[in-house]
């Protein structure tokens, strides 16, 4: 209702403005008095919805999950019980984005089809097809499905037109179409209320925020503009708030889709640095108010080989000014591995040019000697150096970063913590840490007890593994 009220006020404002400009045009005045503009707006909105609706599908995913009645209790010993297997069903939406060689390709969210044993796509109440997963990308929560188009009427006409999310402006009208709570092709209208939002649920975030109502089941459906172009993939809501929905920009979704269709996975560029924004306090301390600060250079990474150092401030990438951490993160991500780029950095108060050959972001578990990231847990770790071990007087692994809202965050872990033991087992390397966690999962454990050194004190924390 709020979105409708805002839209009505917006149209009413247009009416008033138009009437002021066309006082001499009696025929148009008559049309205005008869509600002509409102009717025209309504007709156009209906046309847009009719145009896009055939491209919106319902997705049913079935997963087999293990259930252990004792998983929510912390016992000092293991209860020998085989977990039960039960079926879980999830419901979501998707949008048809491509037709090629008798196949339809559908964009949706990864969380809609994650770990699915079977996926069914419903095109309308009379037409359903089994779907195959072409590829997924948990780092952006996107997935591409493939469906055989044989027997589907006019499959080419079902393909949605994709817009340009870089041209989206705050205040523009936005229309969400999806299947909330299984209510197929539900349409809600609102505005784009913010851009480049980060809410801490995936690694790469630059969401379009909208007040067009998005509810469970909308995930994976399109957010469109008044021209019927898809500008985003609806993904998340803030459960405790109203009018706070988030969509993945379609330009990012297109790039991920192209990577999946070409490689079967997403190939990302990699620099190998931990970076942070320059806050007002840091700016005052170092006397620099531009760029982003390098807090860590991973050993053996492209950044390390090129000579980048901790404390360098990156201000330009190949001649283009870097405005934020997200700006550099996405720019490097989309750079093809093997490409040489020129970074302009400030070191010791002076600007210098450093050429770097971008590498490929390693798959999970590939960077084990000094740093490793777990997308599932929202945790990045590295081994302690001999100097750090001597200074701290402990063995363990250092927590480099924690994704807000992740299992690691909910456990209470913080950057700077040193994890010394997992379920009473000593941890001396990142590889050993993740190996222990894998063994615990194989044993059916859903939680791990961590002994952590924070500042000069030891504390125990519980990390959920699932």
Protein backbone atom coordinates (compact mmCIF):
# COMPACT_ATOMS: atom_id res chain seq x y z
CA UNK A 1 0.00 0.00 0.00
CA UNK A 2 2.87 2.38 0.76
CA UNK A 3 4.38 1.78 -2.67
CA UNK A 4 0.99 2.35 -4.33
CA UNK A 5 0.45 5.56 -2.37
CA UNK A 6 3.87 6.89 -3.41
CA UNK A 7 3.18 6.00 -7.04
CA UNK A 8 -0.24 7.71 -6.90
CA UNK A 9 1.28 10.87 -5.42
CA UNK A 10 3.94 10.85 -8.12
CA UNK A 11 1.30 10.59 -10.89
CA UNK A 12 -0.84 13.24 -9.18
CA UNK A 13 2.16 15.59 -9.21
CA UNK A 14 2.57 14.98 -12.93
CA UNK A 15 -1.11 15.75 -13.43
CA UNK A 16 -0.85 19.07 -11.63
CA UNK A 17 2.29 20.04 -13.55
CA UNK A 18 0.78 19.09 -16.88
CA UNK A 19 -2.40 21.05 -16.21
CA UNK A 20 -0.37 24.18 -15.48
CA UNK A 21 1.37 23.92 -18.85
CA UNK A 22 -1.63 23.18 -21.05
CA UNK A 23 -4.24 25.68 -19.88
CA UNK A 24 -4.65 26.93 -23.44
CA UNK A 25 -5.19 23.45 -24.81
CA UNK A 26 -8.87 22.86 -24.07
CA UNK A 27 -9.02 19.37 -25.55
CA UNK A 28 -6.12 18.16 -23.39
CA UNK A 29 -7.65 19.84 -20.37
CA UNK A 30 -10.76 17.82 -21.02
CA UNK A 31 -8.68 14.63 -21.17
CA UNK A 32 -6.96 15.52 -17.90
CA UNK A 33 -10.25 16.18 -16.22
CA UNK A 34 -11.39 12.76 -17.37
CA UNK A 35 -8.35 11.10 -15.84
CA UNK A 36 -6.66 10.45 -19.20
CA UNK A 37 -3.09 10.40 -17.91
CA UNK A 38 -3.93 8.01 -15.10
CA UNK A 39 -5.65 5.73 -17.59
CA UNK A 40 -2.70 5.98 -19.98
CA UNK A 41 -0.28 5.13 -17.17
CA UNK A 42 -2.41 2.17 -16.17
CA UNK A 43 -2.57 0.89 -19.75
CA UNK A 44 1.20 1.18 -20.19
CA UNK A 45 1.86 -0.58 -16.88
CA UNK A 46 -0.44 -3.41 -17.91
CA UNK A 47 1.35 -3.70 -21.27
CA UNK A 48 4.73 -3.91 -19.53
CA UNK A 49 3.53 -6.65 -17.17
CA UNK A 50 1.90 -8.61 -20.02
CA UNK A 51 5.13 -8.37 -22.00
CA UNK A 52 7.40 -9.65 -19.23
CA UNK A 53 5.17 -12.17 -17.45
CA UNK A 54 5.75 -15.06 -19.94
CA UNK A 55 9.46 -14.93 -19.07
CA UNK A 56 8.85 -15.42 -15.33
CA UNK A 57 8.78 -19.02 -14.10
CA UNK A 58 8.19 -20.84 -10.83
CA UNK A 59 11.00 -23.08 -9.57
CA UNK A 60 10.45 -26.08 -7.31
CA UNK A 61 13.59 -27.65 -5.83
CA UNK A 62 13.76 -30.84 -3.79
CA UNK A 63 16.62 -31.57 -1.43
CA UNK A 64 17.43 -34.59 0.69
CA UNK A 65 18.67 -33.37 4.05
CA UNK A 66 19.98 -35.25 7.04
CA UNK A 67 18.17 -34.79 10.33
CA UNK A 68 19.65 -35.67 13.70
CA UNK A 69 17.35 -35.13 16.68
CA UNK A 70 20.37 -34.45 18.90
CA UNK A 71 22.07 -31.86 16.66
CA UNK A 72 20.82 -28.93 18.74
CA UNK A 73 22.32 -30.26 21.96
CA UNK A 74 25.97 -30.01 23.02
CA UNK A 75 27.02 -33.34 24.52
CA UNK A 76 30.60 -34.03 25.68
CA UNK A 77 30.38 -37.36 23.86
CA UNK A 78 29.02 -38.60 20.57
CA UNK A 79 25.66 -40.38 20.46
CA UNK A 80 25.93 -43.25 17.94
CA UNK A 81 22.88 -42.58 15.80
CA UNK A 82 22.59 -42.47 12.05
CA UNK A 83 20.89 -39.24 10.94
CA UNK A 84 17.50 -39.54 9.25
CA UNK A 85 17.07 -38.46 5.65
CA UNK A 86 14.05 -36.39 4.78
CA UNK A 87 12.89 -34.41 1.79
CA UNK A 88 12.78 -30.62 1.87
CA UNK A 89 11.17 -28.51 -0.81
CA UNK A 90 12.01 -24.93 -1.67
CA UNK A 91 10.09 -22.51 -3.83
CA UNK A 92 11.44 -19.62 -5.87
CA UNK A 93 11.21 -17.70 -9.09
CA UNK A 94 13.32 -17.38 -12.21
CA UNK A 95 13.51 -15.39 -15.42
CA UNK A 96 14.17 -16.74 -18.92
CA UNK A 97 17.17 -14.88 -20.34
CA UNK A 98 18.26 -16.89 -23.37
CA UNK A 99 17.03 -19.31 -26.04
CA UNK A 100 19.57 -21.24 -28.07
CA UNK A 101 19.55 -24.54 -29.98
CA UNK A 102 16.28 -25.73 -28.51
CA UNK A 103 17.25 -24.85 -24.94
CA UNK A 104 15.91 -22.17 -22.61
CA UNK A 105 18.27 -20.68 -20.04
CA UNK A 106 16.94 -19.34 -16.75
CA UNK A 107 18.56 -17.02 -14.20
CA UNK A 108 17.67 -17.55 -10.55
CA UNK A 109 19.23 -17.43 -7.10
CA UNK A 110 21.70 -20.08 -5.97
CA UNK A 111 19.91 -20.39 -2.63
CA UNK A 112 16.70 -21.40 -4.45
CA UNK A 113 18.26 -24.54 -5.98
CA UNK A 114 21.24 -25.20 -3.70
CA UNK A 115 21.88 -28.92 -3.02
CA UNK A 116 18.76 -29.86 -4.99
CA UNK A 117 18.29 -33.50 -5.98
CA UNK A 118 15.70 -32.48 -8.58
CA UNK A 119 14.44 -29.18 -10.02
CA UNK A 120 11.12 -28.54 -11.74
CA UNK A 121 10.31 -25.36 -13.67
CA UNK A 122 6.67 -24.36 -14.15
CA UNK A 123 6.03 -22.10 -17.15
CA UNK A 124 2.27 -21.92 -16.64
CA UNK A 125 -0.40 -24.03 -14.98
CA UNK A 126 -0.30 -26.55 -17.84
CA UNK A 127 3.45 -26.69 -18.56
CA UNK A 128 6.27 -28.02 -16.36
CA UNK A 129 9.76 -29.23 -17.26
CA UNK A 130 12.70 -30.74 -15.42
CA UNK A 131 15.72 -28.45 -15.27
CA UNK A 132 19.45 -29.06 -15.28
CA UNK A 133 21.90 -26.86 -13.37
CA UNK A 134 24.42 -25.36 -15.80
CA UNK A 135 26.39 -23.68 -13.03
CA UNK A 136 26.14 -21.80 -9.74
CA UNK A 137 27.96 -18.94 -8.09
CA UNK A 138 27.46 -18.74 -4.30
CA UNK A 139 29.68 -15.63 -4.16
CA UNK A 140 26.88 -13.65 -5.85
CA UNK A 141 23.98 -16.05 -5.07
CA UNK A 142 23.24 -16.69 -8.75
CA UNK A 143 22.54 -19.85 -10.74
CA UNK A 144 21.82 -20.71 -14.38
CA UNK A 145 19.37 -23.49 -15.29
CA UNK A 146 18.81 -25.20 -18.64
CA UNK A 147 15.44 -26.55 -19.82
CA UNK A 148 14.56 -28.43 -23.00
CA UNK A 149 12.19 -26.14 -24.93
CA UNK A 150 10.58 -28.90 -26.98
CA UNK A 151 6.80 -28.58 -26.82
CA UNK A 152 6.88 -25.10 -25.27
CA UNK A 153 4.95 -22.63 -27.41
CA UNK A 154 6.97 -19.72 -28.89
CA UNK A 155 10.04 -20.19 -26.63
CA UNK A 156 11.88 -17.28 -28.26
CA UNK A 157 9.08 -14.90 -27.25
CA UNK A 158 9.51 -15.91 -23.61
CA UNK A 159 13.02 -14.46 -23.40
CA UNK A 160 13.11 -11.32 -21.27
CA UNK A 161 14.83 -8.18 -22.48
CA UNK A 162 17.77 -7.29 -20.25
CA UNK A 163 18.39 -3.65 -19.42
CA UNK A 164 21.45 -1.71 -18.25
CA UNK A 165 21.62 -1.51 -14.46
CA UNK A 166 24.43 1.06 -14.65
CA UNK A 167 21.82 3.55 -15.89
CA UNK A 168 19.37 2.93 -13.04
CA UNK A 169 18.73 6.00 -10.87
CA UNK A 170 17.31 6.37 -7.38
CA UNK A 171 13.65 7.37 -7.61
CA UNK A 172 12.88 5.51 -10.84
CA UNK A 173 9.83 3.26 -10.88
CA UNK A 174 10.51 -0.45 -10.34
CA UNK A 175 8.24 -3.47 -10.86
CA UNK A 176 8.86 -6.85 -9.19
CA UNK A 177 7.33 -10.01 -10.64
CA UNK A 178 7.56 -13.38 -8.94
CA UNK A 179 5.83 -16.13 -7.04
CA UNK A 180 5.66 -15.11 -3.37
CA UNK A 181 4.26 -17.92 -1.22
CA UNK A 182 3.47 -19.79 -4.46
CA UNK A 183 1.13 -17.04 -5.75
CA UNK A 184 2.33 -17.13 -9.35
CA UNK A 185 3.24 -13.98 -11.30
CA UNK A 186 2.43 -11.56 -8.52
CA UNK A 187 3.21 -7.96 -9.51
CA UNK A 188 4.27 -5.23 -7.08
CA UNK A 189 5.21 -1.64 -7.91
CA UNK A 190 7.52 0.80 -6.15
CA UNK A 191 10.66 2.81 -6.70
CA UNK A 192 14.41 2.27 -6.66
CA UNK A 193 15.18 3.55 -3.17
CA UNK A 194 18.98 3.15 -3.13
CA UNK A 195 21.92 1.74 -5.11
CA UNK A 196 25.15 -0.12 -4.34
CA UNK A 197 23.87 -1.56 -1.08
CA UNK A 198 25.83 -4.17 0.89
CA UNK A 199 23.99 -6.26 3.50
CA UNK A 200 26.55 -8.98 4.23
CA UNK A 201 24.97 -12.13 2.79
CA UNK A 202 27.38 -12.81 -0.10
CA UNK A 203 30.97 -11.95 -0.92
CA UNK A 204 30.22 -9.69 -3.90
CA UNK A 205 27.40 -7.24 -3.19
CA UNK A 206 26.18 -4.08 -4.89
CA UNK A 207 22.42 -4.43 -4.54
CA UNK A 208 19.62 -2.33 -5.97
CA UNK A 209 17.33 -1.47 -3.06
CA UNK A 210 13.61 -1.17 -3.75
CA UNK A 211 10.36 -0.72 -1.87
CA UNK A 212 8.46 -2.82 -4.41
CA UNK A 213 7.18 -5.61 -2.16
CA UNK A 214 9.41 -8.72 -2.23
CA UNK A 215 8.40 -11.77 -0.20
CA UNK A 216 9.54 -15.40 0.22
CA UNK A 217 9.17 -17.04 -3.18
CA UNK A 218 10.14 -13.87 -5.07
CA UNK A 219 13.80 -14.89 -4.95
CA UNK A 220 15.21 -15.26 -8.46
CA UNK A 221 12.45 -13.27 -10.14
CA UNK A 222 13.03 -10.09 -12.15
CA UNK A 223 12.96 -6.46 -11.10
CA UNK A 224 12.00 -4.49 -14.21
CA UNK A 225 11.77 -0.87 -15.31
CA UNK A 226 8.88 0.93 -17.04
CA UNK A 227 10.21 -0.21 -20.44
CA UNK A 228 9.85 -3.88 -19.53
CA UNK A 229 13.62 -4.39 -19.22
CA UNK A 230 15.06 -6.53 -16.45
CA UNK A 231 17.30 -4.37 -14.24
CA UNK A 232 17.84 -6.82 -11.39
CA UNK A 233 17.30 -10.30 -9.94
CA UNK A 234 15.29 -10.14 -6.71
CA UNK A 235 17.29 -11.77 -3.95
CA UNK A 236 16.75 -10.67 -0.37
CA UNK A 237 14.61 -8.81 2.12
CA UNK A 238 15.17 -7.42 5.58
CA UNK A 239 12.76 -9.53 7.60
CA UNK A 240 12.38 -6.96 10.38
CA UNK A 241 11.80 -4.03 8.02
CA UNK A 242 9.15 -2.96 5.53
CA UNK A 243 9.91 -1.72 2.04
CA UNK A 244 13.47 -3.07 2.09
CA UNK A 245 14.01 -5.45 -0.81
CA UNK A 246 17.27 -6.09 -2.65
CA UNK A 247 18.06 -7.15 -6.21
CA UNK A 248 21.32 -8.15 -7.88
CA UNK A 249 22.07 -5.63 -10.68
CA UNK A 250 21.43 -7.26 -14.05
CA UNK A 251 24.84 -6.21 -15.42
CA UNK A 252 26.52 -8.28 -12.70
CA UNK A 253 24.07 -11.14 -13.27
CA UNK A 254 24.78 -11.07 -17.04
CA UNK A 255 28.52 -11.25 -16.44
CA UNK A 256 28.12 -14.20 -14.07
CA UNK A 257 25.78 -15.94 -16.52
CA UNK A 258 28.22 -15.48 -19.42
CA UNK A 259 31.03 -16.91 -17.31
CA UNK A 260 28.93 -19.94 -16.37
CA UNK A 261 27.79 -20.58 -19.95
CA UNK A 262 31.37 -20.28 -21.27
CA UNK A 263 33.34 -22.03 -18.52
CA UNK A 264 30.76 -23.87 -16.42
CA UNK A 265 31.92 -21.75 -13.50
CA UNK A 266 32.85 -18.14 -12.75
CA UNK A 267 36.48 -17.23 -13.50
CA UNK A 268 37.47 -14.17 -11.47
CA UNK A 269 40.52 -11.98 -11.54
CA UNK A 270 42.65 -11.95 -8.38
CA UNK A 271 45.04 -9.40 -6.93
CA UNK A 272 45.72 -10.99 -3.54
CA UNK A 273 45.36 -8.13 -1.07
CA UNK A 274 43.22 -7.36 1.96
CA UNK A 275 41.98 -3.78 1.57
CA UNK A 276 39.96 -1.27 3.57
CA UNK A 277 38.40 2.15 3.23
CA UNK A 278 40.26 5.21 4.44
CA UNK A 279 38.19 6.47 7.36
CA UNK A 280 38.37 10.10 8.57
CA UNK A 281 40.63 9.00 11.45
CA UNK A 282 42.99 7.12 9.10
CA UNK A 283 42.98 10.06 6.65
CA UNK A 284 44.00 12.41 9.44
CA UNK A 285 46.75 10.06 10.60
CA UNK A 286 48.32 9.46 7.16
CA UNK A 287 47.45 12.75 5.48
CA UNK A 288 45.73 11.11 2.50
CA UNK A 289 42.02 11.37 1.70
CA UNK A 290 41.78 9.35 -1.53
CA UNK A 291 42.03 5.72 -2.58
CA UNK A 292 41.92 2.53 -0.52
CA UNK A 293 44.46 1.16 1.93
CA UNK A 294 46.26 -2.19 1.62
CA UNK A 295 46.13 -3.92 5.02
CA UNK A 296 47.68 -7.24 3.91
CA UNK A 297 49.46 -8.69 0.89
CA UNK A 298 49.07 -12.45 0.53
CA UNK A 299 52.35 -14.25 0.00
CA UNK A 300 52.84 -15.54 -3.54
CA UNK A 301 49.89 -13.54 -4.87
CA UNK A 302 50.02 -11.30 -7.97
CA UNK A 303 50.23 -8.27 -5.66
CA UNK A 304 53.18 -9.79 -3.79
CA UNK A 305 55.03 -10.63 -7.03
CA UNK A 306 54.48 -7.08 -8.32
CA UNK A 307 55.93 -5.50 -5.19
CA UNK A 308 52.83 -4.05 -3.56
CA UNK A 309 53.28 -3.47 0.17
CA UNK A 310 51.18 -3.15 3.29
CA UNK A 311 50.39 0.54 3.75
CA UNK A 312 50.26 1.31 0.01
CA UNK A 313 47.22 3.34 -1.00
CA UNK A 314 45.69 2.39 -4.36
CA UNK A 315 44.25 5.48 -6.06
CA UNK A 316 43.97 4.43 -9.74
CA UNK A 317 43.54 1.27 -11.81
CA UNK A 318 44.76 1.64 -15.42
CA UNK A 319 44.17 5.38 -15.29
CA UNK A 320 40.72 5.18 -13.71
CA UNK A 321 40.20 6.63 -10.25
CA UNK A 322 39.32 4.11 -7.52
CA UNK A 323 36.49 5.38 -5.33
CA UNK A 324 35.91 2.52 -2.88
CA UNK A 325 36.78 -1.02 -1.81
CA UNK A 326 33.78 -2.30 -3.80
CA UNK A 327 34.99 -0.39 -6.87
CA UNK A 328 38.39 -2.12 -6.86
CA UNK A 329 36.92 -5.50 -5.86
CA UNK A 330 34.50 -5.60 -8.80
CA UNK A 331 37.02 -4.16 -11.26
CA UNK A 332 39.61 -6.83 -10.43
CA UNK A 333 36.96 -9.56 -10.39
CA UNK A 334 35.94 -8.79 -13.99
CA UNK A 335 39.53 -8.53 -15.27
CA UNK A 336 40.56 -11.59 -17.27
CA UNK A 337 43.39 -13.54 -15.58
CA UNK A 338 46.70 -12.89 -17.34
CA UNK A 339 45.83 -9.25 -18.08
CA UNK A 340 48.47 -6.71 -17.10
CA UNK A 341 47.10 -3.62 -15.34
CA UNK A 342 48.75 -0.49 -14.00
CA UNK A 343 48.06 0.53 -10.43
CA UNK A 344 48.80 4.03 -9.19
CA UNK A 345 49.67 3.89 -5.49
CA UNK A 346 50.75 6.35 -2.86
CA UNK A 347 53.77 5.13 -0.87
CA UNK A 348 55.62 7.31 1.61
CA UNK A 349 53.65 10.30 0.39
CA UNK A 350 54.66 9.87 -3.26
CA UNK A 351 52.72 8.46 -6.20
CA UNK A 352 54.21 5.61 -8.18
CA UNK A 353 53.08 3.27 -10.94
CA UNK A 354 53.16 -0.49 -10.40
CA UNK A 355 52.32 -3.01 -13.12
CA UNK A 356 50.54 -6.17 -11.98
CA UNK A 357 49.58 -9.29 -13.91
CA UNK A 358 46.15 -10.27 -12.63
CA UNK A 359 45.84 -13.88 -11.52
CA UNK A 360 42.82 -16.16 -11.23
CA UNK A 361 41.01 -16.25 -7.91
CA UNK A 362 41.82 -19.68 -6.47
CA UNK A 363 39.04 -22.14 -5.85
CA UNK A 364 38.13 -22.79 -2.23
CA UNK A 365 41.00 -24.60 -0.53
CA UNK A 366 43.62 -23.70 -3.15
CA UNK A 367 45.39 -21.07 -1.01
CA UNK A 368 46.40 -23.04 2.03
CA UNK A 369 49.86 -22.05 3.05
CA UNK A 370 49.14 -18.53 4.22
CA UNK A 371 45.53 -17.62 3.63
CA UNK A 372 42.27 -19.38 2.97
CA UNK A 373 38.69 -18.23 2.72
CA UNK A 374 35.56 -20.21 3.53
CA UNK A 375 32.53 -18.82 1.71
CA UNK A 376 30.27 -21.22 3.65
CA UNK A 377 31.42 -19.97 7.05
CA UNK A 378 32.17 -16.36 6.08
CA UNK A 379 35.71 -16.63 7.41
CA UNK A 380 39.15 -15.76 6.07
CA UNK A 381 42.21 -17.10 7.90
CA UNK A 382 45.98 -17.12 7.55
CA UNK A 383 48.88 -18.85 9.28
CA UNK A 384 50.70 -16.99 12.03
CA UNK A 385 54.22 -15.87 11.20
CA UNK A 386 57.09 -17.04 13.49
CA UNK A 387 57.36 -13.47 14.80
CA UNK A 388 53.65 -13.39 15.67
CA UNK A 389 53.87 -16.75 17.42
CA UNK A 390 56.81 -15.49 19.48
CA UNK A 391 55.04 -12.23 20.35
CA UNK A 392 51.71 -13.86 21.24
CA UNK A 393 53.19 -16.95 22.85
CA UNK A 394 50.61 -19.23 21.18
CA UNK A 395 50.17 -21.42 18.13
CA UNK A 396 47.11 -21.12 15.92
CA UNK A 397 45.62 -19.38 12.91
CA UNK A 398 44.74 -15.70 12.59
CA UNK A 399 41.24 -14.52 11.70
CA UNK A 400 41.75 -11.99 8.88
CA UNK A 401 38.12 -11.11 8.14
CA UNK A 402 34.56 -12.13 9.03
CA UNK A 403 31.54 -11.62 6.77
CA UNK A 404 28.70 -9.84 8.64
CA UNK A 405 25.75 -12.14 9.28
CA UNK A 406 27.75 -15.30 8.45
CA UNK A 407 28.11 -18.37 10.74
CA UNK A 408 31.55 -17.08 11.77
CA UNK A 409 30.06 -13.71 12.68
CA UNK A 410 27.22 -15.30 14.64
CA UNK A 411 29.73 -17.41 16.57
CA UNK A 412 31.36 -14.21 17.86
CA UNK A 413 34.64 -14.47 15.93
CA UNK A 414 36.36 -11.17 15.16
CA UNK A 415 39.27 -10.13 12.93
CA UNK A 416 42.45 -10.38 14.98
CA UNK A 417 41.33 -13.45 16.94
CA UNK A 418 43.71 -16.42 17.02
CA UNK A 419 42.02 -19.85 16.86
CA UNK A 420 44.20 -22.21 18.90
CA UNK A 421 42.08 -25.37 19.25
CA UNK A 422 39.06 -26.98 17.57
CA UNK A 423 37.21 -29.51 19.78
CA UNK A 424 40.33 -29.76 21.97
CA UNK A 425 42.63 -30.45 18.98
CA UNK A 426 45.60 -28.14 18.49
CA UNK A 427 45.57 -26.07 15.30
CA UNK A 428 48.89 -24.99 13.79
CA UNK A 429 47.94 -24.14 10.20
CA UNK A 430 44.98 -23.04 8.09
CA UNK A 431 45.06 -26.34 6.22
CA UNK A 432 44.89 -28.23 9.52
CA UNK A 433 41.96 -26.07 10.72
CA UNK A 434 39.79 -26.84 7.68
CA UNK A 435 40.84 -30.49 7.72
CA UNK A 436 39.55 -30.82 11.30
CA UNK A 437 36.26 -29.16 10.31
CA UNK A 438 35.82 -31.58 7.40
CA UNK A 439 36.41 -34.53 9.73
CA UNK A 440 33.82 -33.18 12.16
CA UNK A 441 31.27 -32.85 9.34
CA UNK A 442 31.95 -36.43 8.24
CA UNK A 443 31.28 -37.54 11.82
CA UNK A 444 27.88 -35.84 11.68
CA UNK A 445 28.87 -32.92 13.91
CA UNK A 446 27.05 -29.65 13.32
CA UNK A 447 29.08 -27.49 15.71
CA UNK A 448 32.74 -26.97 16.55
CA UNK A 449 34.10 -25.74 19.88
CA UNK A 450 36.84 -23.15 19.32
CA UNK A 451 39.45 -22.01 21.84
CA UNK A 452 40.33 -18.47 20.86
CA UNK A 453 42.99 -16.02 22.05
CA UNK A 454 41.59 -12.49 22.01
CA UNK A 455 43.91 -9.73 23.16
CA UNK A 456 45.54 -11.41 26.20
CA UNK A 457 42.64 -13.66 27.19
CA UNK A 458 41.34 -17.06 26.09
CA UNK A 459 37.65 -17.61 25.33
CA UNK A 460 35.56 -20.47 23.97
CA UNK A 461 33.21 -19.93 21.02
CA UNK A 462 30.87 -22.32 19.20
CA UNK A 463 30.94 -22.31 15.36
CA UNK A 464 28.01 -23.86 13.50
CA UNK A 465 29.18 -26.01 10.59
CA UNK A 466 25.81 -26.21 8.76
